[in-house]
Amino acid sequence: MKKKLLFIINNLKNSFRKYFDFKSRASRSEFWIFTIFFTIISLIPLLIFYVIEMNYIDQGKSLLIDFDLFTTKAANESWSESETIKQFELIWGKKFDLYSDIILGLSVIPFIIPSISVSFRRLHDFGKPGFYSIIFYIILASLEGYNIAYPNAEYIFFSTIFISIIFYVYVSQKSDSRKNKFGPTPKKIK
């Protein structure tokens, strides 16, 4: 267990040490350990926000909606109980999506460059140009932009998942066992 943890830590250190290295190579383990770490660390603030908001709602409060103002509006407009619930879910959902996007965006910022860097180096490891990863990121950014413009386009979510799977399968190719035009085989990290 200690060896595995040390292996993970050393791979992460290597990834962050090569923060701006877009020329060398990265092993599959370095790429995947960084990618999993990046995903988990990016989602933690979102999870914390969600837990806090659910705790507030259990107490009859909300970080996103002023309950007094909302209930006054519901009473003034004579909403039925089902209409009140529907309106609450609609308003709360929109606000939660907005704040979630902001929190996720802010938590991702420190990882943008090292994520692109490790993707470049991973592609280099099996002899492909690193700019292929830029194409992947541009497609994802375009899909996210489209999702913001047309939030009810459910096929965007599935398109994002599909394209991500293709990219991650592609970067999981076997490494070149010898030196290639991007440098020597990455040293095994222990």
C-alpha atoms as a PDB file:
ATOM      1  CA  MET A   1       0.000   0.000   0.000  1.00  0.00           C
ATOM      2  CA  LYS A   2       2.815   2.385   0.906  1.00  0.00           C
ATOM      3  CA  LYS A   3       4.590   1.638  -2.407  1.00  0.00           C
ATOM      4  CA  LYS A   4       1.420   2.385  -4.389  1.00  0.00           C
ATOM      5  CA  LEU A   5       0.868   5.663  -2.564  1.00  0.00           C
ATOM      6  CA  LEU A   6       4.486   6.656  -3.106  1.00  0.00           C
ATOM      7  CA  PHE A   7       4.135   5.733  -6.803  1.00  0.00           C
ATOM      8  CA  ILE A   8       1.081   8.014  -7.113  1.00  0.00           C
ATOM      9  CA  ILE A   9       2.753  10.892  -5.258  1.00  0.00           C
ATOM     10  CA  ASN A  10       5.921  10.627  -7.356  1.00  0.00           C
ATOM     11  CA  ASN A  11       3.906  10.639 -10.586  1.00  0.00           C
ATOM     12  CA  LEU A  12       2.007  13.726  -9.440  1.00  0.00           C
ATOM     13  CA  LYS A  13       5.240  15.470  -8.456  1.00  0.00           C
ATOM     14  CA  ASN A  14       6.647  14.667 -11.875  1.00  0.00           C
ATOM     15  CA  SER A  15       3.548  16.067 -13.594  1.00  0.00           C
ATOM     16  CA  PHE A  16       3.725  19.321 -11.642  1.00  0.00           C
ATOM     17  CA  ARG A  17       7.496  19.543 -12.067  1.00  0.00           C
ATOM     18  CA  LYS A  18       6.879  19.489 -15.823  1.00  0.00           C
ATOM     19  CA  TYR A  19       4.118  22.122 -15.614  1.00  0.00           C
ATOM     20  CA  PHE A  20       5.314  23.923 -18.759  1.00  0.00           C
ATOM     21  CA  ASP A  21       7.007  20.990 -20.500  1.00  0.00           C
ATOM     22  CA  PHE A  22       5.307  20.509 -23.852  1.00  0.00           C
ATOM     23  CA  LYS A  23       8.218  18.744 -25.552  1.00  0.00           C
ATOM     24  CA  SER A  24       9.088  15.545 -23.698  1.00  0.00           C
ATOM     25  CA  ARG A  25       7.096  12.366 -23.048  1.00  0.00           C
ATOM     26  CA  ALA A  26       4.724  11.140 -20.313  1.00  0.00           C
ATOM     27  CA  SER A  27       3.939   7.542 -19.475  1.00  0.00           C
ATOM     28  CA  ARG A  28       0.399   6.223 -19.294  1.00  0.00           C
ATOM     29  CA  SER A  29       0.623   6.019 -15.516  1.00  0.00           C
ATOM     30  CA  GLU A  30       1.722   9.653 -15.216  1.00  0.00           C
ATOM     31  CA  PHE A  31      -1.105  10.773 -17.516  1.00  0.00           C
ATOM     32  CA  TRP A  32      -3.819   8.758 -15.782  1.00  0.00           C
ATOM     33  CA  ILE A  33      -2.716   9.563 -12.245  1.00  0.00           C
ATOM     34  CA  PHE A  34      -2.678  13.276 -13.068  1.00  0.00           C
ATOM     35  CA  THR A  35      -6.040  13.084 -14.879  1.00  0.00           C
ATOM     36  CA  ILE A  36      -7.744  11.267 -11.991  1.00  0.00           C
ATOM     37  CA  PHE A  37      -6.179  13.646  -9.430  1.00  0.00           C
ATOM     38  CA  PHE A  38      -7.275  16.665 -11.509  1.00  0.00           C
ATOM     39  CA  THR A  39     -10.831  15.351 -11.788  1.00  0.00           C
ATOM     40  CA  ILE A  40     -11.175  14.608  -8.073  1.00  0.00           C
ATOM     41  CA  ILE A  41      -9.609  17.894  -6.934  1.00  0.00           C
ATOM     42  CA  SER A  42     -11.782  19.860  -9.367  1.00  0.00           C
ATOM     43  CA  LEU A  43     -14.982  18.250  -8.098  1.00  0.00           C
ATOM     44  CA  ILE A  44     -14.301  18.632  -4.358  1.00  0.00           C
ATOM     45  CA  PRO A  45     -15.312  22.347  -4.155  1.00  0.00           C
ATOM     46  CA  LEU A  46     -18.493  21.550  -6.092  1.00  0.00           C
ATOM     47  CA  LEU A  47     -19.316  18.684  -3.737  1.00  0.00           C
ATOM     48  CA  ILE A  48     -18.687  20.907  -0.697  1.00  0.00           C
ATOM     49  CA  PHE A  49     -20.983  23.592  -2.140  1.00  0.00           C
ATOM     50  CA  TYR A  50     -23.699  20.992  -2.798  1.00  0.00           C
ATOM     51  CA  VAL A  51     -23.471  19.522   0.725  1.00  0.00           C
ATOM     52  CA  ILE A  52     -23.637  22.983   2.316  1.00  0.00           C
ATOM     53  CA  GLU A  53     -26.633  23.966   0.175  1.00  0.00           C
ATOM     54  CA  MET A  54     -28.469  20.718   1.015  1.00  0.00           C
ATOM     55  CA  ASN A  55     -27.769  21.337   4.712  1.00  0.00           C
ATOM     56  CA  TYR A  56     -29.226  24.836   4.397  1.00  0.00           C
ATOM     57  CA  ILE A  57     -32.303  23.531   2.589  1.00  0.00           C
ATOM     58  CA  ASP A  58     -32.845  20.979   5.372  1.00  0.00           C
ATOM     59  CA  GLN A  59     -32.914  23.950   7.758  1.00  0.00           C
ATOM     60  CA  GLY A  60     -35.452  25.806   5.600  1.00  0.00           C
ATOM     61  CA  LYS A  61     -32.873  28.193   4.150  1.00  0.00           C
ATOM     62  CA  SER A  62     -30.860  28.450   0.955  1.00  0.00           C
ATOM     63  CA  LEU A  63     -27.662  30.062  -0.221  1.00  0.00           C
ATOM     64  CA  LEU A  64     -29.239  30.534  -3.642  1.00  0.00           C
ATOM     65  CA  ILE A  65     -32.838  31.605  -3.020  1.00  0.00           C
ATOM     66  CA  ASP A  66     -34.309  34.054  -0.524  1.00  0.00           C
ATOM     67  CA  PHE A  67     -37.114  31.871   0.881  1.00  0.00           C
ATOM     68  CA  ASP A  68     -39.028  34.832   2.337  1.00  0.00           C
ATOM     69  CA  LEU A  69     -39.072  36.617  -1.009  1.00  0.00           C
ATOM     70  CA  PHE A  70     -39.945  33.397  -2.834  1.00  0.00           C
ATOM     71  CA  THR A  71     -42.838  32.454  -0.499  1.00  0.00           C
ATOM     72  CA  THR A  72     -44.173  36.031  -0.659  1.00  0.00           C
ATOM     73  CA  LYS A  73     -44.161  35.842  -4.458  1.00  0.00           C
ATOM     74  CA  ALA A  74     -45.867  32.432  -4.354  1.00  0.00           C
ATOM     75  CA  ALA A  75     -48.564  33.794  -2.016  1.00  0.00           C
ATOM     76  CA  ASN A  76     -49.076  36.988  -4.049  1.00  0.00           C
ATOM     77  CA  GLU A  77     -49.472  35.009  -7.257  1.00  0.00           C
ATOM     78  CA  SER A  78     -51.656  32.363  -5.579  1.00  0.00           C
ATOM     79  CA  TRP A  79     -49.533  29.443  -6.674  1.00  0.00           C
ATOM     80  CA  SER A  80     -50.747  25.974  -5.789  1.00  0.00           C
ATOM     81  CA  GLU A  81     -48.439  23.745  -3.800  1.00  0.00           C
ATOM     82  CA  SER A  82     -47.388  21.853  -6.929  1.00  0.00           C
ATOM     83  CA  GLU A  83     -46.793  25.129  -8.830  1.00  0.00           C
ATOM     84  CA  THR A  84     -44.714  26.469  -5.915  1.00  0.00           C
ATOM     85  CA  ILE A  85     -42.572  23.338  -5.894  1.00  0.00           C
ATOM     86  CA  LYS A  86     -42.208  23.459  -9.677  1.00  0.00           C
ATOM     87  CA  GLN A  87     -41.161  27.137  -9.627  1.00  0.00           C
ATOM     88  CA  PHE A  88     -38.752  26.539  -6.739  1.00  0.00           C
ATOM     89  CA  GLU A  89     -37.092  23.632  -8.560  1.00  0.00           C
ATOM     90  CA  LEU A  90     -36.851  25.692 -11.747  1.00  0.00           C
ATOM     91  CA  ILE A  91     -35.338  28.785 -10.094  1.00  0.00           C
ATOM     92  CA  TRP A  92     -33.116  26.793  -7.748  1.00  0.00           C
ATOM     93  CA  GLY A  93     -31.920  24.561 -10.599  1.00  0.00           C
ATOM     94  CA  LYS A  94     -30.921  27.518 -12.781  1.00  0.00           C
ATOM     95  CA  LYS A  95     -29.078  29.226  -9.931  1.00  0.00           C
ATOM     96  CA  PHE A  96     -27.405  25.991  -8.835  1.00  0.00           C
ATOM     97  CA  ASP A  97     -26.226  25.341 -12.415  1.00  0.00           C
ATOM     98  CA  LEU A  98     -24.803  28.865 -12.647  1.00  0.00           C
ATOM     99  CA  TYR A  99     -22.950  28.683  -9.330  1.00  0.00           C
ATOM    100  CA  SER A 100     -21.778  25.143 -10.060  1.00  0.00           C
ATOM    101  CA  ASP A 101     -20.305  26.280 -13.378  1.00  0.00           C
ATOM    102  CA  ILE A 102     -18.539  29.169 -11.634  1.00  0.00           C
ATOM    103  CA  ILE A 103     -17.155  26.967  -8.849  1.00  0.00           C
ATOM    104  CA  LEU A 104     -16.068  24.250 -11.267  1.00  0.00           C
ATOM    105  CA  GLY A 105     -14.504  26.810 -13.596  1.00  0.00           C
ATOM    106  CA  LEU A 106     -12.517  28.386 -10.768  1.00  0.00           C
ATOM    107  CA  SER A 107     -11.363  25.020  -9.438  1.00  0.00           C
ATOM    108  CA  VAL A 108     -10.174  23.942 -12.902  1.00  0.00           C
ATOM    109  CA  ILE A 109      -8.110  27.071 -13.665  1.00  0.00           C
ATOM    110  CA  PRO A 110      -4.921  25.977 -11.824  1.00  0.00           C
ATOM    111  CA  PHE A 111      -4.947  22.691 -13.730  1.00  0.00           C
ATOM    112  CA  ILE A 112      -5.470  23.933 -17.282  1.00  0.00           C
ATOM    113  CA  ILE A 113      -1.795  24.285 -18.240  1.00  0.00           C
ATOM    114  CA  PRO A 114      -0.536  21.093 -16.567  1.00  0.00           C
ATOM    115  CA  SER A 115      -3.470  19.164 -18.042  1.00  0.00           C
ATOM    116  CA  ILE A 116      -2.640  20.335 -21.547  1.00  0.00           C
ATOM    117  CA  SER A 117       1.060  19.740 -20.880  1.00  0.00           C
ATOM    118  CA  VAL A 118       0.611  16.152 -19.705  1.00  0.00           C
ATOM    119  CA  SER A 119      -1.713  15.508 -22.674  1.00  0.00           C
ATOM    120  CA  PHE A 120       0.948  16.828 -25.076  1.00  0.00           C
ATOM    121  CA  ARG A 121       3.601  14.665 -23.449  1.00  0.00           C
ATOM    122  CA  ARG A 122       1.329  11.606 -23.440  1.00  0.00           C
ATOM    123  CA  LEU A 123       0.755  11.931 -27.185  1.00  0.00           C
ATOM    124  CA  HIS A 124       4.487  12.395 -27.696  1.00  0.00           C
ATOM    125  CA  ASP A 125       5.083   9.132 -25.830  1.00  0.00           C
ATOM    126  CA  PHE A 126       3.669   7.130 -28.732  1.00  0.00           C
ATOM    127  CA  GLY A 127       4.965   9.431 -31.459  1.00  0.00           C
ATOM    128  CA  LYS A 128       1.987  11.698 -32.154  1.00  0.00           C
ATOM    129  CA  PRO A 129       2.043  15.513 -32.218  1.00  0.00           C
ATOM    130  CA  GLY A 130       0.864  17.112 -28.990  1.00  0.00           C
ATOM    131  CA  PHE A 131      -1.385  19.605 -30.750  1.00  0.00           C
ATOM    132  CA  TYR A 132      -3.906  16.783 -31.213  1.00  0.00           C
ATOM    133  CA  SER A 133      -4.837  17.375 -27.585  1.00  0.00           C
ATOM    134  CA  ILE A 134      -5.545  21.045 -28.382  1.00  0.00           C
ATOM    135  CA  ILE A 135      -8.110  19.857 -30.923  1.00  0.00           C
ATOM    136  CA  PHE A 136      -9.771  17.814 -28.162  1.00  0.00           C
ATOM    137  CA  TYR A 137      -9.843  20.808 -25.779  1.00  0.00           C
ATOM    138  CA  ILE A 138     -11.222  23.110 -28.495  1.00  0.00           C
ATOM    139  CA  ILE A 139     -14.008  20.631 -29.242  1.00  0.00           C
ATOM    140  CA  LEU A 140     -14.855  20.342 -25.521  1.00  0.00           C
ATOM    141  CA  ALA A 141     -14.822  24.134 -25.092  1.00  0.00           C
ATOM    142  CA  SER A 142     -17.061  24.507 -28.142  1.00  0.00           C
ATOM    143  CA  LEU A 143     -19.516  21.954 -26.789  1.00  0.00           C
ATOM    144  CA  GLU A 144     -19.551  23.740 -23.414  1.00  0.00           C
ATOM    145  CA  GLY A 145     -20.161  27.062 -25.157  1.00  0.00           C
ATOM    146  CA  TYR A 146     -23.019  25.514 -27.105  1.00  0.00           C
ATOM    147  CA  ASN A 147     -24.371  24.018 -23.881  1.00  0.00           C
ATOM    148  CA  ILE A 148     -24.379  27.475 -22.267  1.00  0.00           C
ATOM    149  CA  ALA A 149     -26.168  28.986 -25.267  1.00  0.00           C
ATOM    150  CA  TYR A 150     -28.668  26.119 -25.543  1.00  0.00           C
ATOM    151  CA  PRO A 151     -28.917  24.591 -22.050  1.00  0.00           C
ATOM    152  CA  ASN A 152     -31.638  22.063 -22.892  1.00  0.00           C
ATOM    153  CA  ALA A 153     -29.686  20.390 -25.691  1.00  0.00           C
ATOM    154  CA  GLU A 154     -29.269  16.988 -24.032  1.00  0.00           C
ATOM    155  CA  TYR A 155     -27.263  15.555 -26.902  1.00  0.00           C
ATOM    156  CA  ILE A 156     -24.393  17.909 -25.984  1.00  0.00           C
ATOM    157  CA  PHE A 157     -23.794  15.960 -22.765  1.00  0.00           C
ATOM    158  CA  PHE A 158     -23.633  12.683 -24.673  1.00  0.00           C
ATOM    159  CA  SER A 159     -21.432  14.230 -27.372  1.00  0.00           C
ATOM    160  CA  THR A 160     -19.011  15.418 -24.694  1.00  0.00           C
ATOM    161  CA  ILE A 161     -18.887  11.958 -23.109  1.00  0.00           C
ATOM    162  CA  PHE A 162     -18.438  10.272 -26.497  1.00  0.00           C
ATOM    163  CA  ILE A 163     -15.605  12.590 -27.597  1.00  0.00           C
ATOM    164  CA  SER A 164     -13.909  12.259 -24.197  1.00  0.00           C
ATOM    165  CA  ILE A 165     -14.013   8.456 -24.418  1.00  0.00           C
ATOM    166  CA  ILE A 166     -12.479   8.559 -27.899  1.00  0.00           C
ATOM    167  CA  PHE A 167      -9.694  10.882 -26.693  1.00  0.00           C
ATOM    168  CA  TYR A 168      -8.924   8.848 -23.565  1.00  0.00           C
ATOM    169  CA  VAL A 169      -8.858   5.583 -25.498  1.00  0.00           C
ATOM    170  CA  TYR A 170      -6.558   7.220 -28.041  1.00  0.00           C
ATOM    171  CA  VAL A 171      -4.079   8.496 -25.423  1.00  0.00           C
ATOM    172  CA  SER A 172      -4.037   5.078 -23.743  1.00  0.00           C
ATOM    173  CA  GLN A 173      -2.035   3.570 -26.591  1.00  0.00           C
ATOM    174  CA  LYS A 174       1.083   1.619 -25.825  1.00  0.00           C
ATOM    175  CA  SER A 175       4.228   3.739 -25.450  1.00  0.00           C
ATOM    176  CA  ASP A 176       7.073   3.637 -27.963  1.00  0.00           C
ATOM    177  CA  SER A 177       9.599   1.365 -26.304  1.00  0.00           C
ATOM    178  CA  ARG A 178      12.535   3.235 -27.822  1.00  0.00           C
ATOM    179  CA  LYS A 179      13.590   6.816 -28.225  1.00  0.00           C
ATOM    180  CA  ASN A 180      11.395   8.720 -30.681  1.00  0.00           C
ATOM    181  CA  LYS A 181      11.531  12.252 -32.100  1.00  0.00           C
ATOM    182  CA  PHE A 182      10.184  13.608 -28.782  1.00  0.00           C
ATOM    183  CA  GLY A 183      12.943  12.120 -26.651  1.00  0.00           C
ATOM    184  CA  PRO A 184      13.861   9.003 -24.720  1.00  0.00           C
ATOM    185  CA  THR A 185      11.362   6.686 -23.096  1.00  0.00           C
ATOM    186  CA  PRO A 186      10.166   8.208 -19.813  1.00  0.00           C
ATOM    187  CA  LYS A 187      11.983   6.820 -16.801  1.00  0.00           C
ATOM    188  CA  LYS A 188       9.917   4.453 -14.701  1.00  0.00           C
ATOM    189  CA  ILE A 189       8.668   6.262 -11.632  1.00  0.00           C
ATOM    190  CA  LYS A 190       8.730   4.235  -8.475  1.00  0.00           C
END
